[in-house]
Amino acid sequence: MSNLQELILEARNGLSIQERIPDQKWREIATFCGSAEIAEIELRIQDLRAELESVEEWDGDTQDDINLAIYKFKLLLEAAKAHRAESPN
């Protein structure tokens, strides 16, 4: 079972609704990601790409938000995979 949502909520703790999770917190999340979290990140990226396809062309703000989310999850995925490769299990 993935703990990704809990890790993200914990990283958002203390932030206002307008604040984004800082890059350092994303790197910290990556250190706690196992195979279940990595699989969920990959699924979220896939879902976000599908959502992006359904956004109206005129809705640039939504497209930007989705693209940013895809970017952040891709960075998280890379960091999580790198951390797992470095850490003996």
N, C-alpha and C. Protein backbone atom coordinates (compact mmCIF):
# COMPACT_ATOMS: atom_id res chain seq x y z
N MET A 1 0.84 -1.19 0.00
CA MET A 1 0.00 0.00 0.00
C MET A 1 0.89 1.25 0.00
N SER A 2 0.55 2.18 -0.84
CA SER A 2 1.33 3.40 -0.99
C SER A 2 1.02 4.42 0.11
N ASN A 3 2.05 5.07 0.58
CA ASN A 3 1.91 6.16 1.55
C ASN A 3 2.14 7.52 0.91
N LEU A 4 2.12 7.57 -0.41
CA LEU A 4 2.45 8.80 -1.12
C LEU A 4 1.55 9.96 -0.71
N GLN A 5 0.26 9.74 -0.65
CA GLN A 5 -0.66 10.82 -0.30
C GLN A 5 -0.35 11.36 1.10
N GLU A 6 -0.07 10.47 2.05
CA GLU A 6 0.28 10.91 3.40
C GLU A 6 1.57 11.72 3.40
N LEU A 7 2.56 11.29 2.63
CA LEU A 7 3.83 12.01 2.54
C LEU A 7 3.63 13.41 1.95
N ILE A 8 2.78 13.51 0.94
CA ILE A 8 2.50 14.81 0.33
C ILE A 8 1.75 15.71 1.30
N LEU A 9 0.76 15.16 1.99
CA LEU A 9 0.01 15.96 2.98
C LEU A 9 0.92 16.44 4.09
N GLU A 10 1.83 15.59 4.54
CA GLU A 10 2.78 15.98 5.58
C GLU A 10 3.69 17.11 5.08
N ALA A 11 4.12 17.04 3.83
CA ALA A 11 4.97 18.08 3.25
C ALA A 11 4.22 19.40 3.13
N ARG A 12 2.90 19.35 2.93
CA ARG A 12 2.08 20.56 2.81
C ARG A 12 1.74 21.17 4.16
N ASN A 13 1.97 20.42 5.23
CA ASN A 13 1.64 20.88 6.57
C ASN A 13 2.32 22.23 6.85
N GLY A 14 1.54 23.20 7.26
CA GLY A 14 2.07 24.52 7.58
C GLY A 14 2.13 25.48 6.40
N LEU A 15 1.83 25.00 5.21
CA LEU A 15 1.83 25.86 4.02
C LEU A 15 0.43 26.42 3.79
N SER A 16 0.38 27.65 3.29
CA SER A 16 -0.93 28.19 2.93
C SER A 16 -1.38 27.54 1.63
N ILE A 17 -2.64 27.72 1.30
CA ILE A 17 -3.19 27.10 0.09
C ILE A 17 -2.50 27.63 -1.17
N GLN A 18 -1.96 28.85 -1.11
CA GLN A 18 -1.29 29.43 -2.27
C GLN A 18 0.15 28.96 -2.41
N GLU A 19 0.73 28.44 -1.34
CA GLU A 19 2.14 28.02 -1.37
C GLU A 19 2.29 26.64 -1.98
N ARG A 20 3.35 26.49 -2.75
CA ARG A 20 3.68 25.19 -3.34
C ARG A 20 4.66 24.48 -2.42
N ILE A 21 4.67 23.17 -2.51
CA ILE A 21 5.63 22.39 -1.72
C ILE A 21 7.03 22.73 -2.23
N PRO A 22 7.93 23.13 -1.32
CA PRO A 22 9.30 23.47 -1.74
C PRO A 22 10.04 22.25 -2.29
N ASP A 23 11.01 22.51 -3.16
CA ASP A 23 11.79 21.43 -3.78
C ASP A 23 12.45 20.54 -2.73
N GLN A 24 12.94 21.14 -1.65
CA GLN A 24 13.59 20.35 -0.60
C GLN A 24 12.62 19.31 -0.01
N LYS A 25 11.38 19.69 0.16
CA LYS A 25 10.38 18.75 0.70
C LYS A 25 10.12 17.61 -0.29
N TRP A 26 10.11 17.93 -1.61
CA TRP A 26 9.94 16.88 -2.61
C TRP A 26 11.10 15.89 -2.52
N ARG A 27 12.33 16.42 -2.32
CA ARG A 27 13.49 15.53 -2.19
C ARG A 27 13.37 14.66 -0.95
N GLU A 28 12.84 15.21 0.13
CA GLU A 28 12.62 14.44 1.35
C GLU A 28 11.59 13.34 1.11
N ILE A 29 10.52 13.66 0.41
CA ILE A 29 9.50 12.66 0.10
C ILE A 29 10.13 11.50 -0.65
N ALA A 30 11.02 11.80 -1.58
CA ALA A 30 11.66 10.76 -2.40
C ALA A 30 12.38 9.73 -1.55
N THR A 31 12.94 10.16 -0.43
CA THR A 31 13.69 9.23 0.42
C THR A 31 12.78 8.22 1.11
N PHE A 32 11.50 8.49 1.17
CA PHE A 32 10.54 7.58 1.80
C PHE A 32 9.76 6.74 0.80
N CYS A 33 10.06 6.89 -0.48
CA CYS A 33 9.31 6.19 -1.52
C CYS A 33 9.87 4.79 -1.76
N GLY A 34 8.99 3.83 -1.63
CA GLY A 34 9.32 2.46 -1.99
C GLY A 34 8.66 2.11 -3.31
N SER A 35 8.57 0.83 -3.59
CA SER A 35 8.01 0.41 -4.88
C SER A 35 6.54 0.80 -5.03
N ALA A 36 5.77 0.77 -3.94
CA ALA A 36 4.35 1.14 -4.02
C ALA A 36 4.20 2.62 -4.35
N GLU A 37 5.03 3.46 -3.73
CA GLU A 37 4.95 4.89 -3.99
C GLU A 37 5.41 5.21 -5.42
N ILE A 38 6.46 4.53 -5.86
CA ILE A 38 6.94 4.74 -7.23
C ILE A 38 5.86 4.37 -8.24
N ALA A 39 5.19 3.26 -8.00
CA ALA A 39 4.10 2.85 -8.89
C ALA A 39 2.98 3.89 -8.89
N GLU A 40 2.67 4.44 -7.72
CA GLU A 40 1.62 5.46 -7.65
C GLU A 40 2.04 6.74 -8.37
N ILE A 41 3.29 7.13 -8.24
CA ILE A 41 3.79 8.32 -8.95
C ILE A 41 3.64 8.12 -10.45
N GLU A 42 4.04 6.96 -10.95
CA GLU A 42 3.92 6.66 -12.38
C GLU A 42 2.46 6.73 -12.83
N LEU A 43 1.56 6.21 -12.00
CA LEU A 43 0.13 6.25 -12.32
C LEU A 43 -0.39 7.69 -12.32
N ARG A 44 0.05 8.48 -11.36
CA ARG A 44 -0.38 9.89 -11.31
C ARG A 44 0.08 10.65 -12.55
N ILE A 45 1.31 10.40 -12.98
CA ILE A 45 1.81 11.06 -14.19
C ILE A 45 0.95 10.66 -15.39
N GLN A 46 0.65 9.39 -15.49
CA GLN A 46 -0.20 8.89 -16.58
C GLN A 46 -1.58 9.56 -16.53
N ASP A 47 -2.18 9.63 -15.34
CA ASP A 47 -3.50 10.25 -15.19
C ASP A 47 -3.46 11.74 -15.52
N LEU A 48 -2.39 12.42 -15.10
CA LEU A 48 -2.27 13.85 -15.39
C LEU A 48 -2.13 14.09 -16.89
N ARG A 49 -1.38 13.23 -17.57
CA ARG A 49 -1.26 13.37 -19.03
C ARG A 49 -2.61 13.19 -19.71
N ALA A 50 -3.39 12.24 -19.23
CA ALA A 50 -4.73 12.02 -19.79
C ALA A 50 -5.62 13.24 -19.51
N GLU A 51 -5.51 13.78 -18.30
CA GLU A 51 -6.30 14.97 -17.95
C GLU A 51 -5.90 16.15 -18.83
N LEU A 52 -4.62 16.30 -19.09
CA LEU A 52 -4.13 17.39 -19.93
C LEU A 52 -4.74 17.33 -21.32
N GLU A 53 -4.93 16.13 -21.84
CA GLU A 53 -5.52 15.96 -23.17
C GLU A 53 -6.97 16.45 -23.21
N SER A 54 -7.65 16.42 -22.07
CA SER A 54 -9.06 16.79 -22.04
C SER A 54 -9.30 18.28 -21.76
N VAL A 55 -8.24 19.01 -21.43
CA VAL A 55 -8.38 20.43 -21.12
C VAL A 55 -8.56 21.22 -22.42
N GLU A 56 -9.50 22.15 -22.37
CA GLU A 56 -9.76 23.01 -23.54
C GLU A 56 -8.51 23.82 -23.89
N GLU A 57 -8.31 24.04 -25.17
CA GLU A 57 -7.12 24.75 -25.66
C GLU A 57 -7.01 26.16 -25.08
N TRP A 58 -8.14 26.81 -24.85
CA TRP A 58 -8.14 28.18 -24.35
C TRP A 58 -7.78 28.26 -22.87
N ASP A 59 -7.80 27.13 -22.17
CA ASP A 59 -7.58 27.12 -20.71
C ASP A 59 -6.10 26.93 -20.38
N GLY A 60 -5.32 27.95 -20.69
CA GLY A 60 -3.88 27.89 -20.48
C GLY A 60 -3.47 27.76 -19.03
N ASP A 61 -4.23 28.38 -18.12
CA ASP A 61 -3.88 28.30 -16.70
C ASP A 61 -3.96 26.86 -16.21
N THR A 62 -5.02 26.16 -16.58
CA THR A 62 -5.17 24.76 -16.18
C THR A 62 -4.08 23.91 -16.82
N GLN A 63 -3.79 24.17 -18.08
CA GLN A 63 -2.71 23.43 -18.75
C GLN A 63 -1.39 23.64 -18.02
N ASP A 64 -1.12 24.89 -17.63
CA ASP A 64 0.12 25.19 -16.90
C ASP A 64 0.17 24.44 -15.57
N ASP A 65 -0.94 24.44 -14.84
CA ASP A 65 -0.99 23.75 -13.55
C ASP A 65 -0.74 22.25 -13.71
N ILE A 66 -1.36 21.65 -14.71
CA ILE A 66 -1.19 20.22 -14.94
C ILE A 66 0.24 19.92 -15.38
N ASN A 67 0.78 20.74 -16.26
CA ASN A 67 2.17 20.55 -16.70
C ASN A 67 3.15 20.69 -15.54
N LEU A 68 2.89 21.62 -14.64
CA LEU A 68 3.74 21.77 -13.46
C LEU A 68 3.65 20.53 -12.57
N ALA A 69 2.45 20.02 -12.38
CA ALA A 69 2.28 18.80 -11.58
C ALA A 69 3.02 17.62 -12.21
N ILE A 70 2.91 17.48 -13.52
CA ILE A 70 3.62 16.41 -14.22
C ILE A 70 5.12 16.57 -14.00
N TYR A 71 5.62 17.78 -14.15
CA TYR A 71 7.04 18.06 -13.97
C TYR A 71 7.50 17.68 -12.56
N LYS A 72 6.74 18.12 -11.55
CA LYS A 72 7.12 17.82 -10.16
C LYS A 72 7.10 16.32 -9.89
N PHE A 73 6.08 15.63 -10.40
CA PHE A 73 6.02 14.19 -10.18
C PHE A 73 7.13 13.46 -10.94
N LYS A 74 7.52 13.96 -12.10
CA LYS A 74 8.64 13.35 -12.83
C LYS A 74 9.94 13.51 -12.04
N LEU A 75 10.15 14.70 -11.47
CA LEU A 75 11.33 14.91 -10.63
C LEU A 75 11.30 14.00 -9.41
N LEU A 76 10.13 13.88 -8.80
CA LEU A 76 9.98 13.01 -7.64
C LEU A 76 10.27 11.56 -8.02
N LEU A 77 9.76 11.13 -9.16
CA LEU A 77 9.99 9.77 -9.64
C LEU A 77 11.48 9.51 -9.84
N GLU A 78 12.16 10.43 -10.51
CA GLU A 78 13.60 10.27 -10.73
C GLU A 78 14.36 10.21 -9.42
N ALA A 79 14.02 11.10 -8.48
CA ALA A 79 14.71 11.13 -7.19
C ALA A 79 14.43 9.86 -6.39
N ALA A 80 13.20 9.39 -6.42
CA ALA A 80 12.84 8.17 -5.68
C ALA A 80 13.57 6.96 -6.24
N LYS A 81 13.62 6.86 -7.56
CA LYS A 81 14.34 5.74 -8.19
C LYS A 81 15.83 5.81 -7.90
N ALA A 82 16.39 7.01 -7.94
CA ALA A 82 17.82 7.18 -7.65
C ALA A 82 18.11 6.82 -6.20
N HIS A 83 17.24 7.23 -5.29
CA HIS A 83 17.44 6.92 -3.87
C HIS A 83 17.37 5.42 -3.63
N ARG A 84 16.43 4.76 -4.27
CA ARG A 84 16.31 3.30 -4.11
C ARG A 84 17.53 2.58 -4.69
N ALA A 85 18.08 3.11 -5.77
CA ALA A 85 19.26 2.49 -6.38
C ALA A 85 20.49 2.64 -5.47
N GLU A 86 20.54 3.75 -4.73
CA GLU A 86 21.67 4.01 -3.83
C GLU A 86 21.54 3.27 -2.51
N SER A 87 20.32 3.00 -2.08
CA SER A 87 20.08 2.40 -0.77
C SER A 87 19.93 0.89 -0.88
N PRO A 88 20.79 0.15 -0.21
CA PRO A 88 20.62 -1.31 -0.22
C PRO A 88 19.40 -1.70 0.62
N ASN A 89 18.63 -2.64 0.11
CA ASN A 89 17.43 -3.09 0.84
C ASN A 89 17.65 -4.42 1.46
